[in-house]
């Protein structure tokens, strides 16, 4: 079986030596000093500098750390002496095996790293389905998707459809060409429309959909809020795109809205982002709630924390999903977290490029 985006290369020299000396869960600091990258070693009397060059071998029975666009020269295969492939990273993000990412290698890595884990999105979407059922609404519910990227949030909703409610993405949009290529290849029925959200007219959304959406979903760019970045927040033009997202909500007036971001947004020191987002939704007639969710708690083989805002007209009909998995043996008899290595090792052997 040949899987898309599942290619590796042959590693040699000190890179290979590092991997060969790396135990499960091992990092750069666990290697003999002569194998450690010079940027990792702290120098001088005060031992300053480092650790910049990171390395981590995935473990069979433990979830991975957060998948980003920059883990492809960091995450080492659980048993093979090589870095993981984009397909293996996509497994950690819970994407379907036949879902093909388009673009250059760097663009593919970015799409996978920026995506919402599909399994996490699915559990949240199940609660959105229950919200509509409590309103005595059933049938097909139409979604408008913004900042769609590779479509992790949409795929979660797609999988959450049940006997009473069917979720259907009828409009999707992003500014990136490679996101367009990926979505059009895998889900042409999502009616992808490439545009800058600051220039997107809500009437176009209605024209493409043939109606107004029941649900709006999306994750405005999160880099300005990331704790791994510089947290420029609203000082970065990307950091205020959530305002344009909320303008779309105001014009289209869906029943419920899901907005996803990094958990670091709540820690931004330069502005009270949570308060501002609440006020923005409340000013247009929505109640809003937020919660940080951990992907591993919902059967995703990755410790990834994401912040979700849910805004609705009748918020007391909505509740966040309860965990389906647990890190340790527990009184609720929940299954243990899925191991990154266990999931990756189910794949066929990667081909050499």
C-alpha atoms as a PDB file:
ATOM      1  CA  UNK A   1       0.000   0.000   0.000  1.00  0.00           C
ATOM      2  CA  UNK A   2       1.451   3.359  -1.075  1.00  0.00           C
ATOM      3  CA  UNK A   3       0.329   6.343   0.956  1.00  0.00           C
ATOM      4  CA  UNK A   4       0.492   9.959  -0.187  1.00  0.00           C
ATOM      5  CA  UNK A   5       3.029  12.242   1.529  1.00  0.00           C
ATOM      6  CA  UNK A   6       4.879   9.222   2.963  1.00  0.00           C
ATOM      7  CA  UNK A   7       8.435   9.622   1.690  1.00  0.00           C
ATOM      8  CA  UNK A   8      11.711   9.784   3.556  1.00  0.00           C
ATOM      9  CA  UNK A   9      15.371   9.973   2.633  1.00  0.00           C
ATOM     10  CA  UNK A  10      18.526   8.197   3.684  1.00  0.00           C
ATOM     11  CA  UNK A  11      20.357   9.880   6.574  1.00  0.00           C
ATOM     12  CA  UNK A  12      24.133   9.759   6.999  1.00  0.00           C
ATOM     13  CA  UNK A  13      26.998  11.078   9.094  1.00  0.00           C
ATOM     14  CA  UNK A  14      26.470  12.706  12.476  1.00  0.00           C
ATOM     15  CA  UNK A  15      22.737  13.103  11.878  1.00  0.00           C
ATOM     16  CA  UNK A  16      22.404   9.326  11.616  1.00  0.00           C
ATOM     17  CA  UNK A  17      24.718   8.803  14.596  1.00  0.00           C
ATOM     18  CA  UNK A  18      22.535  11.019  16.758  1.00  0.00           C
ATOM     19  CA  UNK A  19      19.462   9.000  15.844  1.00  0.00           C
ATOM     20  CA  UNK A  20      21.247   5.709  16.462  1.00  0.00           C
ATOM     21  CA  UNK A  21      22.134   6.834  20.001  1.00  0.00           C
ATOM     22  CA  UNK A  22      18.656   8.201  20.744  1.00  0.00           C
ATOM     23  CA  UNK A  23      16.508   6.035  23.076  1.00  0.00           C
ATOM     24  CA  UNK A  24      12.679   6.160  23.065  1.00  0.00           C
ATOM     25  CA  UNK A  25      11.689   9.558  24.450  1.00  0.00           C
ATOM     26  CA  UNK A  26      15.332  10.640  24.206  1.00  0.00           C
ATOM     27  CA  UNK A  27      16.293  14.244  23.429  1.00  0.00           C
ATOM     28  CA  UNK A  28      19.445  16.038  22.285  1.00  0.00           C
ATOM     29  CA  UNK A  29      20.533  16.447  25.911  1.00  0.00           C
ATOM     30  CA  UNK A  30      20.451  12.673  26.382  1.00  0.00           C
ATOM     31  CA  UNK A  31      23.141  12.132  23.748  1.00  0.00           C
ATOM     32  CA  UNK A  32      26.862  11.939  24.488  1.00  0.00           C
ATOM     33  CA  UNK A  33      28.245  15.495  24.462  1.00  0.00           C
ATOM     34  CA  UNK A  34      30.311  14.822  21.350  1.00  0.00           C
ATOM     35  CA  UNK A  35      27.093  14.153  19.439  1.00  0.00           C
ATOM     36  CA  UNK A  36      25.210  17.185  20.690  1.00  0.00           C
ATOM     37  CA  UNK A  37      24.735  20.018  18.218  1.00  0.00           C
ATOM     38  CA  UNK A  38      26.883  23.065  19.054  1.00  0.00           C
ATOM     39  CA  UNK A  39      23.802  25.291  19.272  1.00  0.00           C
ATOM     40  CA  UNK A  40      22.454  23.029  22.011  1.00  0.00           C
ATOM     41  CA  UNK A  41      25.425  23.168  24.350  1.00  0.00           C
ATOM     42  CA  UNK A  42      25.391  25.940  26.948  1.00  0.00           C
ATOM     43  CA  UNK A  43      28.696  27.774  27.052  1.00  0.00           C
ATOM     44  CA  UNK A  44      30.743  30.052  29.319  1.00  0.00           C
ATOM     45  CA  UNK A  45      30.879  30.389  33.088  1.00  0.00           C
ATOM     46  CA  UNK A  46      27.142  31.138  33.251  1.00  0.00           C
ATOM     47  CA  UNK A  47      26.319  28.332  30.809  1.00  0.00           C
ATOM     48  CA  UNK A  48      24.261  30.584  28.547  1.00  0.00           C
ATOM     49  CA  UNK A  49      22.874  29.856  25.102  1.00  0.00           C
ATOM     50  CA  UNK A  50      21.125  26.732  23.750  1.00  0.00           C
ATOM     51  CA  UNK A  51      19.179  24.581  23.492  1.00  0.00           C
ATOM     52  CA  UNK A  52      18.260  25.527  19.914  1.00  0.00           C
ATOM     53  CA  UNK A  53      18.809  22.289  18.028  1.00  0.00           C
ATOM     54  CA  UNK A  54      16.032  20.055  19.339  1.00  0.00           C
ATOM     55  CA  UNK A  55      15.596  16.350  18.785  1.00  0.00           C
ATOM     56  CA  UNK A  56      13.074  13.862  20.134  1.00  0.00           C
ATOM     57  CA  UNK A  57      12.434  10.182  19.455  1.00  0.00           C
ATOM     58  CA  UNK A  58       8.745   9.388  19.662  1.00  0.00           C
ATOM     59  CA  UNK A  59       7.635   6.740  22.141  1.00  0.00           C
ATOM     60  CA  UNK A  60       5.466   3.745  21.408  1.00  0.00           C
ATOM     61  CA  UNK A  61       2.973   4.159  24.238  1.00  0.00           C
ATOM     62  CA  UNK A  62       2.933   7.942  24.795  1.00  0.00           C
ATOM     63  CA  UNK A  63       1.423  10.770  22.724  1.00  0.00           C
ATOM     64  CA  UNK A  64       3.799  13.057  20.872  1.00  0.00           C
ATOM     65  CA  UNK A  65       4.409  16.647  21.823  1.00  0.00           C
ATOM     66  CA  UNK A  66       2.650  19.316  19.737  1.00  0.00           C
ATOM     67  CA  UNK A  67       2.976  18.874  15.989  1.00  0.00           C
ATOM     68  CA  UNK A  68       4.041  22.095  14.256  1.00  0.00           C
ATOM     69  CA  UNK A  69       5.455  22.962  10.852  1.00  0.00           C
ATOM     70  CA  UNK A  70       8.925  22.702  12.420  1.00  0.00           C
ATOM     71  CA  UNK A  71       8.926  19.154  13.817  1.00  0.00           C
ATOM     72  CA  UNK A  72      10.128  17.492  10.628  1.00  0.00           C
ATOM     73  CA  UNK A  73      13.794  17.788  11.615  1.00  0.00           C
ATOM     74  CA  UNK A  74      12.959  17.161  15.256  1.00  0.00           C
ATOM     75  CA  UNK A  75      10.611  14.164  15.672  1.00  0.00           C
ATOM     76  CA  UNK A  76      12.453  10.902  15.093  1.00  0.00           C
ATOM     77  CA  UNK A  77      10.584   7.709  14.139  1.00  0.00           C
ATOM     78  CA  UNK A  78       9.910   5.476  17.179  1.00  0.00           C
ATOM     79  CA  UNK A  79      12.112   2.613  15.951  1.00  0.00           C
ATOM     80  CA  UNK A  80      13.711   3.623  12.640  1.00  0.00           C
ATOM     81  CA  UNK A  81      16.695   5.973  12.473  1.00  0.00           C
ATOM     82  CA  UNK A  82      15.065   8.759  10.476  1.00  0.00           C
ATOM     83  CA  UNK A  83      12.835  11.779  10.912  1.00  0.00           C
ATOM     84  CA  UNK A  84       9.109  11.221  10.522  1.00  0.00           C
ATOM     85  CA  UNK A  85       7.389  11.748   7.173  1.00  0.00           C
ATOM     86  CA  UNK A  86       4.556  14.216   6.545  1.00  0.00           C
ATOM     87  CA  UNK A  87       2.140  11.267   6.495  1.00  0.00           C
ATOM     88  CA  UNK A  88       3.313  10.160   9.930  1.00  0.00           C
ATOM     89  CA  UNK A  89       2.849  13.713  11.218  1.00  0.00           C
ATOM     90  CA  UNK A  90      -0.639  13.668   9.689  1.00  0.00           C
ATOM     91  CA  UNK A  91      -1.367  10.476  11.648  1.00  0.00           C
ATOM     92  CA  UNK A  92      -0.453  12.376  14.829  1.00  0.00           C
ATOM     93  CA  UNK A  93      -3.011  14.974  13.694  1.00  0.00           C
ATOM     94  CA  UNK A  94      -5.600  12.219  13.078  1.00  0.00           C
ATOM     95  CA  UNK A  95      -6.048  12.903   9.343  1.00  0.00           C
ATOM     96  CA  UNK A  96      -7.470  10.092   7.158  1.00  0.00           C
ATOM     97  CA  UNK A  97      -4.724   8.028   5.525  1.00  0.00           C
ATOM     98  CA  UNK A  98      -5.922   8.816   1.996  1.00  0.00           C
ATOM     99  CA  UNK A  99      -6.090  12.567   2.578  1.00  0.00           C
ATOM    100  CA  UNK A 100      -3.405  14.012   0.288  1.00  0.00           C
ATOM    101  CA  UNK A 101      -1.675  17.297   1.046  1.00  0.00           C
ATOM    102  CA  UNK A 102      -0.673  19.357  -1.996  1.00  0.00           C
ATOM    103  CA  UNK A 103       2.179  21.813  -2.524  1.00  0.00           C
ATOM    104  CA  UNK A 104       5.915  21.822  -1.921  1.00  0.00           C
ATOM    105  CA  UNK A 105       7.334  19.832   0.982  1.00  0.00           C
ATOM    106  CA  UNK A 106       7.491  22.985   3.108  1.00  0.00           C
ATOM    107  CA  UNK A 107       3.903  23.897   2.252  1.00  0.00           C
ATOM    108  CA  UNK A 108       2.729  20.377   3.092  1.00  0.00           C
ATOM    109  CA  UNK A 109       4.525  20.521   6.440  1.00  0.00           C
ATOM    110  CA  UNK A 110       2.936  23.892   7.212  1.00  0.00           C
ATOM    111  CA  UNK A 111      -0.565  22.629   6.428  1.00  0.00           C
ATOM    112  CA  UNK A 112      -0.167  19.604   8.670  1.00  0.00           C
ATOM    113  CA  UNK A 113       1.450  21.540  11.507  1.00  0.00           C
ATOM    114  CA  UNK A 114      -1.182  24.305  11.527  1.00  0.00           C
ATOM    115  CA  UNK A 115      -4.208  21.999  11.401  1.00  0.00           C
ATOM    116  CA  UNK A 116      -6.712  21.302  14.159  1.00  0.00           C
ATOM    117  CA  UNK A 117      -6.441  17.599  15.090  1.00  0.00           C
ATOM    118  CA  UNK A 118      -9.351  15.875  13.389  1.00  0.00           C
ATOM    119  CA  UNK A 119     -10.259  13.704  16.394  1.00  0.00           C
ATOM    120  CA  UNK A 120     -10.421  16.727  18.679  1.00  0.00           C
ATOM    121  CA  UNK A 121     -12.597  18.608  16.176  1.00  0.00           C
ATOM    122  CA  UNK A 122     -14.889  15.576  15.916  1.00  0.00           C
ATOM    123  CA  UNK A 123     -15.599  15.457  19.660  1.00  0.00           C
ATOM    124  CA  UNK A 124     -16.366  19.180  19.748  1.00  0.00           C
ATOM    125  CA  UNK A 125     -18.592  18.836  16.679  1.00  0.00           C
ATOM    126  CA  UNK A 126     -20.561  16.047  18.398  1.00  0.00           C
ATOM    127  CA  UNK A 127     -21.524  18.583  21.053  1.00  0.00           C
ATOM    128  CA  UNK A 128     -22.557  21.054  18.348  1.00  0.00           C
ATOM    129  CA  UNK A 129     -24.812  18.310  16.970  1.00  0.00           C
ATOM    130  CA  UNK A 130     -26.360  17.867  20.410  1.00  0.00           C
ATOM    131  CA  UNK A 131     -26.882  21.635  20.584  1.00  0.00           C
ATOM    132  CA  UNK A 132     -29.081  21.510  17.489  1.00  0.00           C
ATOM    133  CA  UNK A 133     -30.879  18.401  18.703  1.00  0.00           C
ATOM    134  CA  UNK A 134     -31.764  20.237  21.927  1.00  0.00           C
ATOM    135  CA  UNK A 135     -33.215  22.979  19.730  1.00  0.00           C
ATOM    136  CA  UNK A 136     -35.302  20.276  18.002  1.00  0.00           C
ATOM    137  CA  UNK A 137     -33.421  20.840  14.758  1.00  0.00           C
ATOM    138  CA  UNK A 138     -32.252  17.955  12.610  1.00  0.00           C
ATOM    139  CA  UNK A 139     -31.299  17.201   9.020  1.00  0.00           C
ATOM    140  CA  UNK A 140     -28.452  18.789   7.065  1.00  0.00           C
ATOM    141  CA  UNK A 141     -26.694  21.713   8.718  1.00  0.00           C
ATOM    142  CA  UNK A 142     -24.650  23.891   6.408  1.00  0.00           C
ATOM    143  CA  UNK A 143     -21.195  25.138   7.402  1.00  0.00           C
ATOM    144  CA  UNK A 144     -19.171  28.112   6.210  1.00  0.00           C
ATOM    145  CA  UNK A 145     -15.497  27.512   6.966  1.00  0.00           C
ATOM    146  CA  UNK A 146     -12.901  30.306   7.241  1.00  0.00           C
ATOM    147  CA  UNK A 147      -9.103  29.980   7.472  1.00  0.00           C
ATOM    148  CA  UNK A 148      -9.793  26.411   6.356  1.00  0.00           C
ATOM    149  CA  UNK A 149      -6.166  25.404   5.793  1.00  0.00           C
ATOM    150  CA  UNK A 150      -5.924  21.662   5.262  1.00  0.00           C
ATOM    151  CA  UNK A 151      -9.433  21.200   6.658  1.00  0.00           C
ATOM    152  CA  UNK A 152      -8.888  19.486  10.022  1.00  0.00           C
ATOM    153  CA  UNK A 153     -11.803  21.297  11.674  1.00  0.00           C
ATOM    154  CA  UNK A 154     -14.126  20.526   8.747  1.00  0.00           C
ATOM    155  CA  UNK A 155     -13.140  16.855   8.679  1.00  0.00           C
ATOM    156  CA  UNK A 156     -13.986  16.626  12.385  1.00  0.00           C
ATOM    157  CA  UNK A 157     -17.461  18.000  11.735  1.00  0.00           C
ATOM    158  CA  UNK A 158     -17.872  15.659   8.772  1.00  0.00           C
ATOM    159  CA  UNK A 159     -17.099  12.665  11.008  1.00  0.00           C
ATOM    160  CA  UNK A 160     -19.439  13.884  13.761  1.00  0.00           C
ATOM    161  CA  UNK A 161     -22.572  13.571  11.631  1.00  0.00           C
ATOM    162  CA  UNK A 162     -25.098  11.223  13.216  1.00  0.00           C
ATOM    163  CA  UNK A 163     -28.572   9.804  12.565  1.00  0.00           C
ATOM    164  CA  UNK A 164     -30.265  13.136  13.329  1.00  0.00           C
ATOM    165  CA  UNK A 165     -27.746  15.729  12.158  1.00  0.00           C
ATOM    166  CA  UNK A 166     -25.554  15.810   9.063  1.00  0.00           C
ATOM    167  CA  UNK A 167     -22.829  18.444   8.889  1.00  0.00           C
ATOM    168  CA  UNK A 168     -21.972  19.704   5.432  1.00  0.00           C
ATOM    169  CA  UNK A 169     -19.251  22.231   4.624  1.00  0.00           C
ATOM    170  CA  UNK A 170     -20.734  24.201   1.728  1.00  0.00           C
ATOM    171  CA  UNK A 171     -18.217  27.039   1.644  1.00  0.00           C
ATOM    172  CA  UNK A 172     -14.528  27.123   2.583  1.00  0.00           C
ATOM    173  CA  UNK A 173     -11.931  29.816   2.222  1.00  0.00           C
ATOM    174  CA  UNK A 174      -8.272  30.587   2.858  1.00  0.00           C
ATOM    175  CA  UNK A 175      -5.685  32.944   1.401  1.00  0.00           C
ATOM    176  CA  UNK A 176      -3.110  30.221   0.652  1.00  0.00           C
ATOM    177  CA  UNK A 177      -2.870  28.590  -2.797  1.00  0.00           C
ATOM    178  CA  UNK A 178      -1.677  25.282  -1.362  1.00  0.00           C
ATOM    179  CA  UNK A 179      -4.693  25.092   0.942  1.00  0.00           C
ATOM    180  CA  UNK A 180      -6.850  25.608  -2.128  1.00  0.00           C
ATOM    181  CA  UNK A 181      -5.083  22.763  -3.939  1.00  0.00           C
ATOM    182  CA  UNK A 182      -5.417  20.402  -0.972  1.00  0.00           C
ATOM    183  CA  UNK A 183      -9.112  21.095  -0.364  1.00  0.00           C
ATOM    184  CA  UNK A 184     -10.093  20.997  -4.034  1.00  0.00           C
ATOM    185  CA  UNK A 185      -8.293  17.667  -4.458  1.00  0.00           C
ATOM    186  CA  UNK A 186      -9.782  15.977  -1.392  1.00  0.00           C
ATOM    187  CA  UNK A 187     -13.158  17.723  -0.886  1.00  0.00           C
ATOM    188  CA  UNK A 188     -14.278  19.624  -4.009  1.00  0.00           C
ATOM    189  CA  UNK A 189     -17.798  19.749  -2.531  1.00  0.00           C
ATOM    190  CA  UNK A 190     -16.563  22.222   0.098  1.00  0.00           C
ATOM    191  CA  UNK A 191     -16.683  24.921  -2.630  1.00  0.00           C
ATOM    192  CA  UNK A 192     -13.310  26.465  -1.856  1.00  0.00           C
ATOM    193  CA  UNK A 193     -13.015  30.189  -2.530  1.00  0.00           C
ATOM    194  CA  UNK A 194      -9.522  31.671  -2.203  1.00  0.00           C
ATOM    195  CA  UNK A 195      -9.580  35.176  -0.792  1.00  0.00           C
ATOM    196  CA  UNK A 196      -8.190  37.477   1.876  1.00  0.00           C
ATOM    197  CA  UNK A 197     -10.844  37.626   4.611  1.00  0.00           C
ATOM    198  CA  UNK A 198     -10.424  41.405   4.839  1.00  0.00           C
ATOM    199  CA  UNK A 199     -11.674  41.608   1.224  1.00  0.00           C
ATOM    200  CA  UNK A 200     -14.260  38.821   1.308  1.00  0.00           C
ATOM    201  CA  UNK A 201     -17.842  40.043   0.882  1.00  0.00           C
ATOM    202  CA  UNK A 202     -20.382  38.058   2.950  1.00  0.00           C
ATOM    203  CA  UNK A 203     -22.789  38.163  -0.012  1.00  0.00           C
ATOM    204  CA  UNK A 204     -20.334  35.954  -1.927  1.00  0.00           C
ATOM    205  CA  UNK A 205     -20.553  33.356   0.844  1.00  0.00           C
ATOM    206  CA  UNK A 206     -24.353  33.334   0.539  1.00  0.00           C
ATOM    207  CA  UNK A 207     -24.171  33.158  -3.262  1.00  0.00           C
ATOM    208  CA  UNK A 208     -21.786  30.168  -3.207  1.00  0.00           C
ATOM    209  CA  UNK A 209     -23.807  28.370  -0.529  1.00  0.00           C
ATOM    210  CA  UNK A 210     -27.209  29.268  -1.920  1.00  0.00           C
ATOM    211  CA  UNK A 211     -28.252  30.153   1.623  1.00  0.00           C
ATOM    212  CA  UNK A 212     -26.915  31.531   4.895  1.00  0.00           C
ATOM    213  CA  UNK A 213     -24.846  29.127   7.023  1.00  0.00           C
ATOM    214  CA  UNK A 214     -26.198  27.387  10.099  1.00  0.00           C
ATOM    215  CA  UNK A 215     -22.666  27.193  11.491  1.00  0.00           C
ATOM    216  CA  UNK A 216     -19.479  29.184  10.985  1.00  0.00           C
ATOM    217  CA  UNK A 217     -16.162  27.594  11.923  1.00  0.00           C
ATOM    218  CA  UNK A 218     -12.574  28.756  11.654  1.00  0.00           C
ATOM    219  CA  UNK A 219      -9.223  29.412  13.243  1.00  0.00           C
ATOM    220  CA  UNK A 220      -7.834  32.907  12.631  1.00  0.00           C
ATOM    221  CA  UNK A 221      -4.003  32.847  12.374  1.00  0.00           C
ATOM    222  CA  UNK A 222      -2.520  31.905  15.714  1.00  0.00           C
ATOM    223  CA  UNK A 223       1.191  32.738  15.334  1.00  0.00           C
ATOM    224  CA  UNK A 224       0.830  36.207  16.949  1.00  0.00           C
ATOM    225  CA  UNK A 225      -0.505  34.549  20.123  1.00  0.00           C
ATOM    226  CA  UNK A 226       1.703  31.471  20.310  1.00  0.00           C
ATOM    227  CA  UNK A 227       3.762  31.006  23.479  1.00  0.00           C
ATOM    228  CA  UNK A 228       6.409  29.494  21.198  1.00  0.00           C
ATOM    229  CA  UNK A 229       6.587  32.766  19.285  1.00  0.00           C
ATOM    230  CA  UNK A 230       7.034  36.384  20.343  1.00  0.00           C
ATOM    231  CA  UNK A 231       3.363  36.990  21.215  1.00  0.00           C
ATOM    232  CA  UNK A 232       3.080  40.166  19.176  1.00  0.00           C
ATOM    233  CA  UNK A 233      -0.689  39.695  19.379  1.00  0.00           C
ATOM    234  CA  UNK A 234      -2.641  42.686  18.066  1.00  0.00           C
ATOM    235  CA  UNK A 235       0.611  44.459  17.143  1.00  0.00           C
ATOM    236  CA  UNK A 236       0.865  41.943  14.297  1.00  0.00           C
ATOM    237  CA  UNK A 237      -1.644  42.476  11.428  1.00  0.00           C
ATOM    238  CA  UNK A 238      -2.399  38.738  11.531  1.00  0.00           C
ATOM    239  CA  UNK A 239      -3.378  39.128  15.173  1.00  0.00           C
ATOM    240  CA  UNK A 240      -6.508  41.152  14.406  1.00  0.00           C
ATOM    241  CA  UNK A 241      -8.025  38.948  11.700  1.00  0.00           C
ATOM    242  CA  UNK A 242     -10.407  37.493  14.293  1.00  0.00           C
ATOM    243  CA  UNK A 243     -12.200  40.863  14.073  1.00  0.00           C
ATOM    244  CA  UNK A 244     -12.859  40.282  10.372  1.00  0.00           C
ATOM    245  CA  UNK A 245     -14.043  36.784  11.233  1.00  0.00           C
ATOM    246  CA  UNK A 246     -16.548  38.215  13.711  1.00  0.00           C
ATOM    247  CA  UNK A 247     -17.687  40.758  11.073  1.00  0.00           C
ATOM    248  CA  UNK A 248     -18.537  37.801   8.823  1.00  0.00           C
ATOM    249  CA  UNK A 249     -20.520  36.275  11.688  1.00  0.00           C
ATOM    250  CA  UNK A 250     -22.389  39.551  12.187  1.00  0.00           C
ATOM    251  CA  UNK A 251     -23.368  39.695   8.509  1.00  0.00           C
ATOM    252  CA  UNK A 252     -24.298  36.023   8.083  1.00  0.00           C
ATOM    253  CA  UNK A 253     -25.842  35.431  11.522  1.00  0.00           C
ATOM    254  CA  UNK A 254     -25.392  31.651  11.934  1.00  0.00           C
ATOM    255  CA  UNK A 255     -26.973  29.823  14.854  1.00  0.00           C
ATOM    256  CA  UNK A 256     -23.602  28.861  16.331  1.00  0.00           C
ATOM    257  CA  UNK A 257     -19.938  29.759  15.804  1.00  0.00           C
ATOM    258  CA  UNK A 258     -16.726  27.877  16.601  1.00  0.00           C
ATOM    259  CA  UNK A 259     -13.461  29.829  16.705  1.00  0.00           C
ATOM    260  CA  UNK A 260     -10.207  28.000  17.422  1.00  0.00           C
ATOM    261  CA  UNK A 261      -6.820  29.354  18.461  1.00  0.00           C
ATOM    262  CA  UNK A 262      -3.669  28.481  20.397  1.00  0.00           C
ATOM    263  CA  UNK A 263      -3.932  28.320  24.171  1.00  0.00           C
ATOM    264  CA  UNK A 264      -1.297  31.064  24.337  1.00  0.00           C
ATOM    265  CA  UNK A 265      -3.917  33.608  23.350  1.00  0.00           C
ATOM    266  CA  UNK A 266      -5.169  33.624  26.940  1.00  0.00           C
ATOM    267  CA  UNK A 267      -1.656  34.478  28.143  1.00  0.00           C
ATOM    268  CA  UNK A 268      -1.030  37.521  25.950  1.00  0.00           C
ATOM    269  CA  UNK A 269       0.287  40.286  28.193  1.00  0.00           C
ATOM    270  CA  UNK A 270      -0.202  43.211  25.808  1.00  0.00           C
ATOM    271  CA  UNK A 271      -4.010  42.932  25.707  1.00  0.00           C
ATOM    272  CA  UNK A 272      -6.846  41.118  27.415  1.00  0.00           C
ATOM    273  CA  UNK A 273      -7.687  39.059  24.360  1.00  0.00           C
ATOM    274  CA  UNK A 274     -10.316  36.900  26.044  1.00  0.00           C
ATOM    275  CA  UNK A 275     -12.240  39.933  27.245  1.00  0.00           C
ATOM    276  CA  UNK A 276     -12.008  41.608  23.848  1.00  0.00           C
ATOM    277  CA  UNK A 277     -13.266  38.532  22.002  1.00  0.00           C
ATOM    278  CA  UNK A 278     -16.164  38.124  24.440  1.00  0.00           C
ATOM    279  CA  UNK A 279     -17.160  41.757  23.998  1.00  0.00           C
ATOM    280  CA  UNK A 280     -16.929  41.499  20.197  1.00  0.00           C
ATOM    281  CA  UNK A 281     -19.349  38.559  20.115  1.00  0.00           C
ATOM    282  CA  UNK A 282     -21.677  40.030  22.736  1.00  0.00           C
ATOM    283  CA  UNK A 283     -21.875  43.304  20.794  1.00  0.00           C
ATOM    284  CA  UNK A 284     -23.418  41.421  17.851  1.00  0.00           C
ATOM    285  CA  UNK A 285     -25.906  39.482  19.969  1.00  0.00           C
ATOM    286  CA  UNK A 286     -24.102  36.246  20.804  1.00  0.00           C
ATOM    287  CA  UNK A 287     -23.372  34.576  24.098  1.00  0.00           C
ATOM    288  CA  UNK A 288     -19.838  33.169  24.204  1.00  0.00           C
ATOM    289  CA  UNK A 289     -17.835  30.657  26.184  1.00  0.00           C
ATOM    290  CA  UNK A 290     -14.277  29.374  25.858  1.00  0.00           C
ATOM    291  CA  UNK A 291     -12.258  26.390  26.997  1.00  0.00           C
ATOM    292  CA  UNK A 292      -8.833  24.895  26.467  1.00  0.00           C
ATOM    293  CA  UNK A 293      -8.978  21.307  25.210  1.00  0.00           C
ATOM    294  CA  UNK A 294      -6.156  18.758  25.039  1.00  0.00           C
ATOM    295  CA  UNK A 295      -6.139  16.561  21.923  1.00  0.00           C
ATOM    296  CA  UNK A 296      -4.806  13.490  23.771  1.00  0.00           C
ATOM    297  CA  UNK A 297      -7.906  13.578  26.005  1.00  0.00           C
ATOM    298  CA  UNK A 298      -9.969  12.719  22.936  1.00  0.00           C
ATOM    299  CA  UNK A 299      -7.999   9.838  21.454  1.00  0.00           C
ATOM    300  CA  UNK A 300      -5.503  11.826  19.371  1.00  0.00           C
ATOM    301  CA  UNK A 301      -1.906  10.548  19.766  1.00  0.00           C
ATOM    302  CA  UNK A 302      -0.605  14.037  20.479  1.00  0.00           C
ATOM    303  CA  UNK A 303      -0.406  16.389  23.470  1.00  0.00           C
ATOM    304  CA  UNK A 304      -1.743  19.439  21.715  1.00  0.00           C
ATOM    305  CA  UNK A 305      -3.652  22.127  23.572  1.00  0.00           C
ATOM    306  CA  UNK A 306      -6.066  24.362  21.658  1.00  0.00           C
ATOM    307  CA  UNK A 307      -8.353  27.143  22.793  1.00  0.00           C
ATOM    308  CA  UNK A 308     -11.940  27.066  21.535  1.00  0.00           C
ATOM    309  CA  UNK A 309     -14.548  29.808  21.618  1.00  0.00           C
ATOM    310  CA  UNK A 310     -18.164  28.840  21.018  1.00  0.00           C
ATOM    311  CA  UNK A 311     -20.683  31.618  20.411  1.00  0.00           C
ATOM    312  CA  UNK A 312     -24.391  30.944  20.078  1.00  0.00           C
ATOM    313  CA  UNK A 313     -27.847  32.439  20.417  1.00  0.00           C
ATOM    314  CA  UNK A 314     -28.837  29.935  23.133  1.00  0.00           C
ATOM    315  CA  UNK A 315     -25.593  28.957  24.780  1.00  0.00           C
ATOM    316  CA  UNK A 316     -27.170  27.019  27.650  1.00  0.00           C
ATOM    317  CA  UNK A 317     -27.906  24.283  25.076  1.00  0.00           C
ATOM    318  CA  UNK A 318     -24.178  23.762  24.489  1.00  0.00           C
ATOM    319  CA  UNK A 319     -21.546  22.014  26.588  1.00  0.00           C
ATOM    320  CA  UNK A 320     -17.919  21.139  25.889  1.00  0.00           C
ATOM    321  CA  UNK A 321     -17.047  17.465  25.357  1.00  0.00           C
ATOM    322  CA  UNK A 322     -15.930  15.329  28.276  1.00  0.00           C
ATOM    323  CA  UNK A 323     -12.584  13.508  27.837  1.00  0.00           C
ATOM    324  CA  UNK A 324     -12.760  10.081  26.218  1.00  0.00           C
ATOM    325  CA  UNK A 325      -9.187   9.064  27.167  1.00  0.00           C
ATOM    326  CA  UNK A 326      -6.902   9.495  30.169  1.00  0.00           C
ATOM    327  CA  UNK A 327      -3.150   9.574  30.862  1.00  0.00           C
ATOM    328  CA  UNK A 328      -3.406   7.016  33.689  1.00  0.00           C
ATOM    329  CA  UNK A 329      -5.648   4.254  34.972  1.00  0.00           C
ATOM    330  CA  UNK A 330      -8.805   5.935  36.262  1.00  0.00           C
ATOM    331  CA  UNK A 331     -12.070   5.343  38.111  1.00  0.00           C
ATOM    332  CA  UNK A 332     -14.117   6.123  34.984  1.00  0.00           C
ATOM    333  CA  UNK A 333     -12.384   3.255  33.174  1.00  0.00           C
ATOM    334  CA  UNK A 334     -11.465   5.523  30.258  1.00  0.00           C
ATOM    335  CA  UNK A 335      -8.949   4.062  27.802  1.00  0.00           C
ATOM    336  CA  UNK A 336      -5.371   5.310  28.101  1.00  0.00           C
ATOM    337  CA  UNK A 337      -3.908   7.926  25.801  1.00  0.00           C
ATOM    338  CA  UNK A 338      -2.977   6.622  22.364  1.00  0.00           C
ATOM    339  CA  UNK A 339       0.736   6.214  21.799  1.00  0.00           C
ATOM    340  CA  UNK A 340       2.351   8.096  18.923  1.00  0.00           C
ATOM    341  CA  UNK A 341       4.608   5.159  18.109  1.00  0.00           C
ATOM    342  CA  UNK A 342       1.768   2.638  18.105  1.00  0.00           C
ATOM    343  CA  UNK A 343      -0.197   4.683  15.565  1.00  0.00           C
ATOM    344  CA  UNK A 344       2.778   5.462  13.321  1.00  0.00           C
ATOM    345  CA  UNK A 345       3.945   1.853  13.268  1.00  0.00           C
ATOM    346  CA  UNK A 346       0.626   0.767  11.767  1.00  0.00           C
ATOM    347  CA  UNK A 347       1.666   2.467   8.525  1.00  0.00           C
ATOM    348  CA  UNK A 348       3.427   0.704   5.645  1.00  0.00           C
ATOM    349  CA  UNK A 349       7.120   1.416   5.144  1.00  0.00           C
ATOM    350  CA  UNK A 350       7.944   4.880   3.853  1.00  0.00           C
ATOM    351  CA  UNK A 351       9.373   5.106   0.339  1.00  0.00           C
ATOM    352  CA  UNK A 352      12.740   6.761  -0.376  1.00  0.00           C
ATOM    353  CA  UNK A 353      12.683   9.962  -2.378  1.00  0.00           C
END
